[in-house]
C-alpha atoms as a PDB file:
ATOM      1  CA  MET A   1       0.000   0.000   0.000  1.00  0.00           C
ATOM      2  CA  PRO A   2       1.558   3.358  -0.966  1.00  0.00           C
ATOM      3  CA  HIS A   3       2.763   5.868   1.604  1.00  0.00           C
ATOM      4  CA  PHE A   4       1.332   9.381   1.245  1.00  0.00           C
ATOM      5  CA  GLY A   5       2.789  12.277   3.186  1.00  0.00           C
ATOM      6  CA  LEU A   6       2.021  15.967   3.598  1.00  0.00           C
ATOM      7  CA  GLN A   7       4.845  18.477   4.044  1.00  0.00           C
ATOM      8  CA  LEU A   8       4.213  21.983   5.371  1.00  0.00           C
ATOM      9  CA  PRO A   9       7.190  24.107   4.187  1.00  0.00           C
ATOM     10  CA  SER A  10       5.675  27.540   4.790  1.00  0.00           C
ATOM     11  CA  PHE A  11       4.265  29.069   7.955  1.00  0.00           C
ATOM     12  CA  THR A  12       3.137  32.217   6.151  1.00  0.00           C
ATOM     13  CA  PHE A  13      -0.609  32.821   6.451  1.00  0.00           C
ATOM     14  CA  THR A  14      -1.679  36.369   5.734  1.00  0.00           C
ATOM     15  CA  ASP A  15      -4.717  36.139   8.013  1.00  0.00           C
ATOM     16  CA  VAL A  16      -2.946  34.609  11.037  1.00  0.00           C
ATOM     17  CA  PRO A  17      -1.115  36.633  13.739  1.00  0.00           C
ATOM     18  CA  ASP A  18       1.973  35.110  15.345  1.00  0.00           C
ATOM     19  CA  ASP A  19       0.125  34.166  18.529  1.00  0.00           C
ATOM     20  CA  ARG A  20      -2.283  32.015  16.490  1.00  0.00           C
ATOM     21  CA  LEU A  21       0.290  30.529  14.133  1.00  0.00           C
ATOM     22  CA  PHE A  22       0.552  27.188  15.877  1.00  0.00           C
ATOM     23  CA  GLU A  23      -3.222  26.864  15.927  1.00  0.00           C
ATOM     24  CA  ARG A  24      -3.316  27.097  12.121  1.00  0.00           C
ATOM     25  CA  ILE A  25      -0.450  24.643  11.770  1.00  0.00           C
ATOM     26  CA  SER A  26      -2.127  22.195  14.116  1.00  0.00           C
ATOM     27  CA  GLU A  27      -5.386  22.513  12.163  1.00  0.00           C
ATOM     28  CA  ILE A  28      -3.566  21.520   8.976  1.00  0.00           C
ATOM     29  CA  ALA A  29      -1.805  18.629  10.726  1.00  0.00           C
ATOM     30  CA  ALA A  30      -5.119  17.452  12.183  1.00  0.00           C
ATOM     31  CA  ALA A  31      -6.669  17.628   8.713  1.00  0.00           C
ATOM     32  CA  ALA A  32      -3.834  15.429   7.394  1.00  0.00           C
ATOM     33  CA  ASP A  33      -4.496  13.025  10.260  1.00  0.00           C
ATOM     34  CA  GLU A  34      -8.209  12.880   9.470  1.00  0.00           C
ATOM     35  CA  ALA A  35      -7.608  12.630   5.706  1.00  0.00           C
ATOM     36  CA  ARG A  36      -5.515   9.485   6.210  1.00  0.00           C
ATOM     37  CA  PHE A  37      -2.176  10.896   5.156  1.00  0.00           C
ATOM     38  CA  ASP A  38       0.487   8.537   6.451  1.00  0.00           C
ATOM     39  CA  SER A  39       2.967  11.214   7.484  1.00  0.00           C
ATOM     40  CA  PHE A  40       3.240  14.933   8.261  1.00  0.00           C
ATOM     41  CA  TRP A  41       6.529  16.763   7.705  1.00  0.00           C
ATOM     42  CA  VAL A  42       8.064  20.163   8.359  1.00  0.00           C
ATOM     43  CA  MET A  43      11.399  21.490   7.110  1.00  0.00           C
ATOM     44  CA  ASP A  44      14.501  21.579   9.277  1.00  0.00           C
ATOM     45  CA  HIS A  45      15.462  25.175   8.534  1.00  0.00           C
ATOM     46  CA  TYR A  46      15.941  28.252  10.675  1.00  0.00           C
ATOM     47  CA  HIS A  47      15.372  30.720   7.819  1.00  0.00           C
ATOM     48  CA  GLN A  48      12.813  30.335   5.063  1.00  0.00           C
ATOM     49  CA  ILE A  49      14.464  29.033   1.890  1.00  0.00           C
ATOM     50  CA  ALA A  50      14.549  30.907  -1.402  1.00  0.00           C
ATOM     51  CA  ASN A  51      12.316  28.654  -3.506  1.00  0.00           C
ATOM     52  CA  ILE A  52       9.531  28.891  -0.893  1.00  0.00           C
ATOM     53  CA  GLY A  53       9.578  32.533   0.219  1.00  0.00           C
ATOM     54  CA  PRO A  54      11.627  35.458   1.530  1.00  0.00           C
ATOM     55  CA  VAL A  55      14.238  34.705   4.181  1.00  0.00           C
ATOM     56  CA  SER A  56      12.269  36.933   6.587  1.00  0.00           C
ATOM     57  CA  ASP A  57       9.153  34.726   6.464  1.00  0.00           C
ATOM     58  CA  PRO A  58       8.196  32.894   9.680  1.00  0.00           C
ATOM     59  CA  MET A  59      10.132  29.699  10.439  1.00  0.00           C
ATOM     60  CA  LEU A  60       9.761  27.487  13.508  1.00  0.00           C
ATOM     61  CA  GLU A  61      12.185  24.934  14.929  1.00  0.00           C
ATOM     62  CA  ALA A  62      11.212  21.557  13.525  1.00  0.00           C
ATOM     63  CA  TYR A  63      11.323  19.179  16.471  1.00  0.00           C
ATOM     64  CA  THR A  64       9.762  21.524  19.005  1.00  0.00           C
ATOM     65  CA  LEU A  65       6.918  21.978  16.530  1.00  0.00           C
ATOM     66  CA  LEU A  66       6.563  18.255  15.826  1.00  0.00           C
ATOM     67  CA  GLY A  67       6.358  17.494  19.535  1.00  0.00           C
ATOM     68  CA  ALA A  68       3.480  19.951  19.852  1.00  0.00           C
ATOM     69  CA  VAL A  69       1.779  18.535  16.730  1.00  0.00           C
ATOM     70  CA  ALA A  70       2.047  15.052  18.254  1.00  0.00           C
ATOM     71  CA  ALA A  71      -0.304  16.193  21.024  1.00  0.00           C
ATOM     72  CA  ARG A  72      -2.875  17.398  18.464  1.00  0.00           C
ATOM     73  CA  THR A  73      -2.877  14.278  16.242  1.00  0.00           C
ATOM     74  CA  SER A  74      -3.445  10.589  16.829  1.00  0.00           C
ATOM     75  CA  ARG A  75      -2.303   8.455  13.890  1.00  0.00           C
ATOM     76  CA  VAL A  76      -0.179  10.387  11.364  1.00  0.00           C
ATOM     77  CA  GLN A  77       3.591   9.806  11.487  1.00  0.00           C
ATOM     78  CA  LEU A  78       5.800  12.839  12.110  1.00  0.00           C
ATOM     79  CA  GLY A  79       9.174  13.894  10.742  1.00  0.00           C
ATOM     80  CA  ALA A  80      11.500  16.605   9.447  1.00  0.00           C
ATOM     81  CA  MET A  81      12.009  16.670   5.665  1.00  0.00           C
ATOM     82  CA  VAL A  82      14.947  16.500   6.218  1.00  0.00           C
ATOM     83  CA  THR A  83      17.153  17.090   9.251  1.00  0.00           C
ATOM     84  CA  GLY A  84      20.417  18.800   8.352  1.00  0.00           C
ATOM     85  CA  VAL A  85      23.186  16.617   9.744  1.00  0.00           C
ATOM     86  CA  THR A  86      25.373  19.593  10.684  1.00  0.00           C
ATOM     87  CA  TYR A  87      22.767  21.178  12.974  1.00  0.00           C
ATOM     88  CA  ARG A  88      22.786  18.634  15.811  1.00  0.00           C
ATOM     89  CA  ASN A  89      25.166  16.221  17.460  1.00  0.00           C
ATOM     90  CA  PRO A  90      24.003  12.760  16.272  1.00  0.00           C
ATOM     91  CA  ALA A  91      23.511  11.363  19.765  1.00  0.00           C
ATOM     92  CA  PHE A  92      21.461  14.405  20.721  1.00  0.00           C
ATOM     93  CA  LEU A  93      19.442  13.959  17.512  1.00  0.00           C
ATOM     94  CA  ALA A  94      18.777  10.325  18.418  1.00  0.00           C
ATOM     95  CA  LYS A  95      17.526  11.460  21.836  1.00  0.00           C
ATOM     96  CA  VAL A  96      15.310  14.159  20.275  1.00  0.00           C
ATOM     97  CA  VAL A  97      13.711  11.750  17.794  1.00  0.00           C
ATOM     98  CA  THR A  98      13.303   9.089  20.482  1.00  0.00           C
ATOM     99  CA  THR A  99      11.523  11.674  22.636  1.00  0.00           C
ATOM    100  CA  LEU A 100       9.231  12.523  19.715  1.00  0.00           C
ATOM    101  CA  ASP A 101       8.511   8.806  19.294  1.00  0.00           C
ATOM    102  CA  VAL A 102       7.609   8.440  22.977  1.00  0.00           C
ATOM    103  CA  ILE A 103       5.428  11.575  22.970  1.00  0.00           C
ATOM    104  CA  SER A 104       3.601  10.418  19.831  1.00  0.00           C
ATOM    105  CA  SER A 105       3.213   6.757  20.924  1.00  0.00           C
ATOM    106  CA  GLY A 106       5.490   5.451  18.187  1.00  0.00           C
ATOM    107  CA  ARG A 107       4.887   7.828  15.266  1.00  0.00           C
ATOM    108  CA  ALA A 108       8.318   9.424  14.715  1.00  0.00           C
ATOM    109  CA  ILE A 109      10.352   9.169  11.513  1.00  0.00           C
ATOM    110  CA  LEU A 110      13.953  10.377  11.297  1.00  0.00           C
ATOM    111  CA  GLY A 111      14.416  12.209   8.007  1.00  0.00           C
ATOM    112  CA  ILE A 112      18.065  13.169   7.517  1.00  0.00           C
ATOM    113  CA  GLY A 113      20.422  14.482   4.855  1.00  0.00           C
ATOM    114  CA  ALA A 114      23.903  15.940   4.365  1.00  0.00           C
ATOM    115  CA  ALA A 115      22.644  19.574   4.601  1.00  0.00           C
ATOM    116  CA  TRP A 116      23.093  22.202   1.892  1.00  0.00           C
ATOM    117  CA  ASN A 117      22.247  25.659   3.265  1.00  0.00           C
ATOM    118  CA  ASP A 118      25.633  27.240   3.949  1.00  0.00           C
ATOM    119  CA  GLU A 119      24.179  30.754   4.272  1.00  0.00           C
ATOM    120  CA  GLU A 120      21.762  29.697   6.995  1.00  0.00           C
ATOM    121  CA  SER A 121      24.387  27.643   8.812  1.00  0.00           C
ATOM    122  CA  LEU A 122      26.951  30.430   8.894  1.00  0.00           C
ATOM    123  CA  ALA A 123      24.320  32.949  10.018  1.00  0.00           C
ATOM    124  CA  TYR A 124      23.641  30.759  13.052  1.00  0.00           C
ATOM    125  CA  GLY A 125      27.317  30.204  13.814  1.00  0.00           C
ATOM    126  CA  TYR A 126      27.524  26.595  12.678  1.00  0.00           C
ATOM    127  CA  PRO A 127      30.730  25.570  10.918  1.00  0.00           C
ATOM    128  CA  TRP A 128      30.254  24.660   7.262  1.00  0.00           C
ATOM    129  CA  PRO A 129      32.334  21.551   6.495  1.00  0.00           C
ATOM    130  CA  SER A 130      33.307  20.372   3.036  1.00  0.00           C
ATOM    131  CA  THR A 131      30.921  18.155   1.086  1.00  0.00           C
ATOM    132  CA  ALA A 132      33.090  15.131   1.838  1.00  0.00           C
ATOM    133  CA  GLU A 133      33.030  15.836   5.564  1.00  0.00           C
ATOM    134  CA  ARG A 134      29.275  16.403   5.612  1.00  0.00           C
ATOM    135  CA  PHE A 135      28.780  12.939   4.138  1.00  0.00           C
ATOM    136  CA  GLU A 136      31.144  11.471   6.731  1.00  0.00           C
ATOM    137  CA  ARG A 137      29.014  13.152   9.376  1.00  0.00           C
ATOM    138  CA  LEU A 138      25.879  11.756   7.739  1.00  0.00           C
ATOM    139  CA  GLU A 139      27.195   8.201   7.840  1.00  0.00           C
ATOM    140  CA  ASP A 140      28.230   8.645  11.479  1.00  0.00           C
ATOM    141  CA  ALA A 141      24.757   9.956  12.305  1.00  0.00           C
ATOM    142  CA  LEU A 142      23.043   7.057  10.559  1.00  0.00           C
ATOM    143  CA  ARG A 143      25.122   4.537  12.502  1.00  0.00           C
ATOM    144  CA  ILE A 144      24.744   6.296  15.854  1.00  0.00           C
ATOM    145  CA  CYS A 145      21.008   6.911  15.521  1.00  0.00           C
ATOM    146  CA  ARG A 146      20.301   3.326  14.460  1.00  0.00           C
ATOM    147  CA  SER A 147      22.291   2.017  17.409  1.00  0.00           C
ATOM    148  CA  MET A 148      20.609   4.313  19.915  1.00  0.00           C
ATOM    149  CA  PHE A 149      17.156   3.525  18.499  1.00  0.00           C
ATOM    150  CA  THR A 150      17.711  -0.201  19.092  1.00  0.00           C
ATOM    151  CA  GLN A 151      19.964  -0.365  22.193  1.00  0.00           C
ATOM    152  CA  SER A 152      19.673   1.252  25.585  1.00  0.00           C
ATOM    153  CA  ARG A 153      23.459   1.789  25.687  1.00  0.00           C
ATOM    154  CA  SER A 154      25.495   2.490  22.541  1.00  0.00           C
ATOM    155  CA  THR A 155      29.162   2.643  21.643  1.00  0.00           C
ATOM    156  CA  VAL A 156      29.910   3.658  18.056  1.00  0.00           C
ATOM    157  CA  ALA A 157      33.224   4.937  16.689  1.00  0.00           C
ATOM    158  CA  GLY A 158      32.596   7.055  13.598  1.00  0.00           C
ATOM    159  CA  SER A 159      34.879   9.075  11.368  1.00  0.00           C
ATOM    160  CA  ILE A 160      34.033  12.335  13.160  1.00  0.00           C
ATOM    161  CA  HIS A 161      31.380  11.611  15.775  1.00  0.00           C
ATOM    162  CA  HIS A 162      31.421   8.868  18.361  1.00  0.00           C
ATOM    163  CA  VAL A 163      29.462   7.698  21.377  1.00  0.00           C
ATOM    164  CA  GLU A 164      30.817   5.617  24.235  1.00  0.00           C
ATOM    165  CA  GLY A 165      28.218   4.073  26.469  1.00  0.00           C
ATOM    166  CA  ALA A 166      25.552   6.615  25.478  1.00  0.00           C
ATOM    167  CA  MET A 167      22.294   5.810  27.250  1.00  0.00           C
ATOM    168  CA  ASN A 168      18.972   6.101  25.459  1.00  0.00           C
ATOM    169  CA  VAL A 169      16.285   5.293  28.013  1.00  0.00           C
ATOM    170  CA  PRO A 170      13.420   5.003  27.439  1.00  0.00           C
ATOM    171  CA  GLN A 171      13.825   3.347  24.101  1.00  0.00           C
ATOM    172  CA  PRO A 172      11.538   4.348  21.214  1.00  0.00           C
ATOM    173  CA  ILE A 173       8.013   2.980  21.359  1.00  0.00           C
ATOM    174  CA  ARG A 174       8.052   1.700  17.785  1.00  0.00           C
ATOM    175  CA  ALA A 175       9.644  -1.738  17.505  1.00  0.00           C
ATOM    176  CA  GLY A 176      13.054  -1.382  15.873  1.00  0.00           C
ATOM    177  CA  GLY A 177      12.991   2.372  16.415  1.00  0.00           C
ATOM    178  CA  PRO A 178      11.754   5.161  14.157  1.00  0.00           C
ATOM    179  CA  PRO A 179      12.234   4.489  10.442  1.00  0.00           C
ATOM    180  CA  ILE A 180      15.190   6.376   8.967  1.00  0.00           C
ATOM    181  CA  LEU A 181      14.616   8.302   5.728  1.00  0.00           C
ATOM    182  CA  VAL A 182      17.570   9.679   3.759  1.00  0.00           C
ATOM    183  CA  GLY A 183      16.776  12.634   1.530  1.00  0.00           C
ATOM    184  CA  GLY A 184      18.636  13.641  -1.612  1.00  0.00           C
ATOM    185  CA  GLY A 185      19.528  12.426  -5.072  1.00  0.00           C
ATOM    186  CA  GLY A 186      23.328  12.111  -5.051  1.00  0.00           C
ATOM    187  CA  GLU A 187      24.128   8.882  -6.824  1.00  0.00           C
ATOM    188  CA  ARG A 188      27.576   8.056  -5.426  1.00  0.00           C
ATOM    189  CA  LYS A 189      27.043   8.861  -1.746  1.00  0.00           C
ATOM    190  CA  THR A 190      23.426   9.641  -0.825  1.00  0.00           C
ATOM    191  CA  LEU A 191      21.912   6.645  -2.570  1.00  0.00           C
ATOM    192  CA  ARG A 192      24.724   4.373  -1.370  1.00  0.00           C
ATOM    193  CA  LEU A 193      24.122   5.420   2.237  1.00  0.00           C
ATOM    194  CA  THR A 194      20.396   4.887   1.685  1.00  0.00           C
ATOM    195  CA  ALA A 195      21.027   1.346   0.506  1.00  0.00           C
ATOM    196  CA  THR A 196      23.328   0.674   3.450  1.00  0.00           C
ATOM    197  CA  TYR A 197      21.432   2.219   6.349  1.00  0.00           C
ATOM    198  CA  ALA A 198      17.972   3.587   5.540  1.00  0.00           C
ATOM    199  CA  ASP A 199      14.389   2.361   5.642  1.00  0.00           C
ATOM    200  CA  MET A 200      13.101   5.118   3.361  1.00  0.00           C
ATOM    201  CA  TRP A 201      14.396   7.433   0.648  1.00  0.00           C
ATOM    202  CA  ASN A 202      12.992  10.697  -0.689  1.00  0.00           C
ATOM    203  CA  GLY A 203      13.969  12.364  -3.948  1.00  0.00           C
ATOM    204  CA  PHE A 204      12.804  14.919  -6.475  1.00  0.00           C
ATOM    205  CA  GLY A 205      12.214  15.043 -10.209  1.00  0.00           C
ATOM    206  CA  ASP A 206      10.051  14.082 -13.140  1.00  0.00           C
ATOM    207  CA  LEU A 207       9.235  10.525 -14.146  1.00  0.00           C
ATOM    208  CA  ALA A 208      12.444   9.991 -16.097  1.00  0.00           C
ATOM    209  CA  MET A 209      14.640  11.258 -13.274  1.00  0.00           C
ATOM    210  CA  ILE A 210      12.812   9.190 -10.668  1.00  0.00           C
ATOM    211  CA  ARG A 211      13.175   6.022 -12.746  1.00  0.00           C
ATOM    212  CA  HIS A 212      16.898   6.666 -13.109  1.00  0.00           C
ATOM    213  CA  LYS A 213      17.428   7.319  -9.378  1.00  0.00           C
ATOM    214  CA  LEU A 214      15.548   4.141  -8.512  1.00  0.00           C
ATOM    215  CA  ASP A 215      17.766   2.160 -10.881  1.00  0.00           C
ATOM    216  CA  VAL A 216      20.842   3.600  -9.159  1.00  0.00           C
ATOM    217  CA  LEU A 217      19.388   2.810  -5.743  1.00  0.00           C
ATOM    218  CA  ALA A 218      18.651  -0.754  -6.840  1.00  0.00           C
ATOM    219  CA  ALA A 219      22.260  -1.178  -7.979  1.00  0.00           C
ATOM    220  CA  HIS A 220      23.543   0.021  -4.599  1.00  0.00           C
ATOM    221  CA  CYS A 221      21.129  -2.331  -2.843  1.00  0.00           C
ATOM    222  CA  GLU A 222      22.487  -5.241  -4.855  1.00  0.00           C
ATOM    223  CA  THR A 223      26.045  -4.311  -3.854  1.00  0.00           C
ATOM    224  CA  GLU A 224      25.021  -4.007  -0.194  1.00  0.00           C
ATOM    225  CA  GLY A 225      23.067  -7.259  -0.252  1.00  0.00           C
ATOM    226  CA  ARG A 226      19.734  -5.574   0.445  1.00  0.00           C
ATOM    227  CA  ASP A 227      16.361  -6.146  -1.123  1.00  0.00           C
ATOM    228  CA  ARG A 228      15.375  -2.913  -2.862  1.00  0.00           C
ATOM    229  CA  SER A 229      11.739  -3.509  -1.865  1.00  0.00           C
ATOM    230  CA  ASP A 230      12.734  -3.120   1.802  1.00  0.00           C
ATOM    231  CA  ILE A 231      13.249   0.622   1.199  1.00  0.00           C
ATOM    232  CA  VAL A 232      10.153   2.821   0.857  1.00  0.00           C
ATOM    233  CA  ALA A 233      11.058   5.240  -1.947  1.00  0.00           C
ATOM    234  CA  THR A 234       9.105   8.502  -2.160  1.00  0.00           C
ATOM    235  CA  ARG A 235       9.141  11.744  -4.151  1.00  0.00           C
ATOM    236  CA  LEU A 236       8.503  15.238  -2.784  1.00  0.00           C
ATOM    237  CA  GLY A 237       6.608  17.704  -4.946  1.00  0.00           C
ATOM    238  CA  THR A 238       3.870  20.312  -4.861  1.00  0.00           C
ATOM    239  CA  LEU A 239       0.207  19.355  -5.283  1.00  0.00           C
ATOM    240  CA  ILE A 240      -2.787  21.370  -6.443  1.00  0.00           C
ATOM    241  CA  VAL A 241      -6.186  19.639  -6.455  1.00  0.00           C
ATOM    242  CA  ALA A 242      -9.269  21.571  -7.551  1.00  0.00           C
ATOM    243  CA  ASP A 243     -12.840  20.675  -8.411  1.00  0.00           C
ATOM    244  CA  THR A 244     -12.297  21.566 -12.078  1.00  0.00           C
ATOM    245  CA  MET A 245      -9.322  21.764 -14.433  1.00  0.00           C
ATOM    246  CA  GLU A 246     -10.076  25.445 -14.989  1.00  0.00           C
ATOM    247  CA  GLN A 247      -9.730  26.136 -11.262  1.00  0.00           C
ATOM    248  CA  ALA A 248      -6.578  24.014 -11.089  1.00  0.00           C
ATOM    249  CA  ASP A 249      -5.006  25.886 -14.007  1.00  0.00           C
ATOM    250  CA  ARG A 250      -5.702  29.251 -12.375  1.00  0.00           C
ATOM    251  CA  ARG A 251      -4.051  28.110  -9.169  1.00  0.00           C
ATOM    252  CA  ARG A 252      -1.170  26.592 -11.118  1.00  0.00           C
ATOM    253  CA  GLN A 253      -0.549  29.896 -12.880  1.00  0.00           C
ATOM    254  CA  ASP A 254      -0.624  31.781  -9.568  1.00  0.00           C
ATOM    255  CA  TRP A 255       1.846  29.294  -8.085  1.00  0.00           C
ATOM    256  CA  GLN A 256       4.181  29.560 -11.065  1.00  0.00           C
ATOM    257  CA  GLN A 257       4.157  33.345 -10.913  1.00  0.00           C
ATOM    258  CA  ALA A 258       4.759  33.407  -7.156  1.00  0.00           C
ATOM    259  CA  ARG A 259       7.606  30.897  -7.372  1.00  0.00           C
ATOM    260  CA  GLY A 260       9.094  31.987 -10.688  1.00  0.00           C
ATOM    261  CA  VAL A 261       8.786  28.471 -12.096  1.00  0.00           C
ATOM    262  CA  GLY A 262       8.903  28.165 -15.877  1.00  0.00           C
ATOM    263  CA  ASP A 263       6.848  25.707 -17.898  1.00  0.00           C
ATOM    264  CA  ASP A 264      10.003  23.656 -18.508  1.00  0.00           C
ATOM    265  CA  MET A 265      10.230  22.873 -14.771  1.00  0.00           C
ATOM    266  CA  LEU A 266       6.584  22.062 -14.099  1.00  0.00           C
ATOM    267  CA  SER A 267       6.948  18.290 -14.411  1.00  0.00           C
ATOM    268  CA  MET A 268       9.871  18.374 -11.973  1.00  0.00           C
ATOM    269  CA  ARG A 269       7.960  20.104  -9.195  1.00  0.00           C
ATOM    270  CA  LEU A 270       4.171  20.076  -9.599  1.00  0.00           C
ATOM    271  CA  ILE A 271       1.196  17.766  -9.954  1.00  0.00           C
ATOM    272  CA  TRP A 272      -2.032  19.659 -10.558  1.00  0.00           C
ATOM    273  CA  GLY A 273      -5.535  19.131 -11.890  1.00  0.00           C
ATOM    274  CA  ASP A 274      -9.015  18.022 -10.991  1.00  0.00           C
ATOM    275  CA  ARG A 275      -9.416  14.885  -8.911  1.00  0.00           C
ATOM    276  CA  ASP A 276      -9.220  12.400 -11.781  1.00  0.00           C
ATOM    277  CA  THR A 277      -6.225  14.117 -13.392  1.00  0.00           C
ATOM    278  CA  VAL A 278      -4.292  14.290 -10.119  1.00  0.00           C
ATOM    279  CA  ALA A 279      -5.000  10.618  -9.421  1.00  0.00           C
ATOM    280  CA  GLU A 280      -3.745   9.684 -12.895  1.00  0.00           C
ATOM    281  CA  ARG A 281      -0.563  11.768 -12.615  1.00  0.00           C
ATOM    282  CA  ALA A 282       0.194  10.516  -9.101  1.00  0.00           C
ATOM    283  CA  GLN A 283      -0.361   6.907 -10.164  1.00  0.00           C
ATOM    284  CA  ALA A 284       2.217   7.342 -12.929  1.00  0.00           C
ATOM    285  CA  PHE A 285       4.919   7.951 -10.303  1.00  0.00           C
ATOM    286  CA  LEU A 286       3.861   4.864  -8.375  1.00  0.00           C
ATOM    287  CA  ASP A 287       3.948   2.870 -11.601  1.00  0.00           C
ATOM    288  CA  ALA A 288       7.513   4.143 -12.129  1.00  0.00           C
ATOM    289  CA  GLY A 289       8.575   2.246  -9.027  1.00  0.00           C
ATOM    290  CA  LEU A 290       7.979   4.533  -6.069  1.00  0.00           C
ATOM    291  CA  GLN A 291       6.332   3.215  -2.928  1.00  0.00           C
ATOM    292  CA  GLY A 292       4.893   6.582  -1.959  1.00  0.00           C
ATOM    293  CA  LEU A 293       4.524  10.294  -2.604  1.00  0.00           C
ATOM    294  CA  ILE A 294       5.032  13.263  -0.290  1.00  0.00           C
ATOM    295  CA  PHE A 295       3.349  16.519  -1.209  1.00  0.00           C
ATOM    296  CA  ASN A 296       3.393  20.110  -0.118  1.00  0.00           C
ATOM    297  CA  MET A 297       0.806  22.655  -1.189  1.00  0.00           C
ATOM    298  CA  PRO A 298       1.013  26.310  -2.229  1.00  0.00           C
ATOM    299  CA  ALA A 299       1.449  28.760   0.645  1.00  0.00           C
ATOM    300  CA  GLY A 300      -1.867  29.658   2.215  1.00  0.00           C
ATOM    301  CA  SER A 301      -3.547  26.341   1.384  1.00  0.00           C
ATOM    302  CA  SER A 302      -6.366  25.459   3.743  1.00  0.00           C
ATOM    303  CA  SER A 303      -7.395  22.443   5.753  1.00  0.00           C
ATOM    304  CA  GLU A 304     -10.099  21.885   3.136  1.00  0.00           C
ATOM    305  CA  ASP A 305      -7.373  21.605   0.473  1.00  0.00           C
ATOM    306  CA  VAL A 306      -5.664  18.960   2.592  1.00  0.00           C
ATOM    307  CA  VAL A 307      -8.873  16.970   2.965  1.00  0.00           C
ATOM    308  CA  ARG A 308      -9.551  17.133  -0.787  1.00  0.00           C
ATOM    309  CA  ALA A 309      -6.032  15.916  -1.542  1.00  0.00           C
ATOM    310  CA  GLY A 310      -6.320  13.114   0.982  1.00  0.00           C
ATOM    311  CA  GLU A 311      -9.558  11.910  -0.578  1.00  0.00           C
ATOM    312  CA  VAL A 312      -7.964  11.758  -4.026  1.00  0.00           C
ATOM    313  CA  LEU A 313      -4.840   9.962  -2.835  1.00  0.00           C
ATOM    314  CA  ASP A 314      -6.914   7.508  -0.833  1.00  0.00           C
ATOM    315  CA  THR A 315      -8.412   6.203  -4.079  1.00  0.00           C
ATOM    316  CA  LEU A 316      -4.924   5.089  -5.153  1.00  0.00           C
ATOM    317  CA  ARG A 317      -4.527   2.765  -2.186  1.00  0.00           C
ATOM    318  CA  SER A 318      -6.939   0.299  -3.742  1.00  0.00           C
ATOM    319  CA  ASN A 319      -5.326   0.316  -7.203  1.00  0.00           C
END
């Protein structure tokens, strides 16, 4: 059965004052819960990123927010899409995600990647290592988090990070610990680390790119002696569902103008249409070999938009 997730990358709502911001976010998360989305995600950023909005737009810390959302939801899984490996000591990250799992009664997912936002990192005083070092840190984090998710006391010697007798009590509620999702499309390192350590993978792109990345992932799985079907592969993109194609096209044009996205990039980033068209376009990605889809929606989308999307995606579970 496919995995469908909802990501909320923007906390900008023109009709919501700061002291009501969490209430709107929790309404959207609750709508995802009710609409049978499998997961709810926020970004792990401290500044808003350029392809979403101005750097001055509101941005909340991911895991504090997810802990609060856990108290307002009952079934949807919760994660950061994706945690930047340079922002937290891996053992501390394992403790944070374990705490989220306990608070949510076993609904945490660890989404993690090698990080990319040097401007944000330097603004906050984090060192910005080389690409090679960030991937060493990512592998250390994957090893340390997996150990701490499955053992009450962990000793792991990594290339940069290590733990020696690190306690993680209580253990996560979910058997085997929270699933680990690696985000990114790098073929030599990211997909290799996914094949070696991860339960899930998330990438980007059109159908041709997704097929290619899945072929690369399958080759790494063969090298690592893993069954490719053990990894839930997903794609993140934007979704617009409307009652008619005319309405969907108007919203698509508004989104393109707001984001500066040309027609040549539409298939890389957006699925839009009426209910039948969206179902057909989403099914094409599942037919390409994905086990799920994760969507965000244009800034300002409502709980009703989330419910409509959930209803459409729910029809694909029986296909």
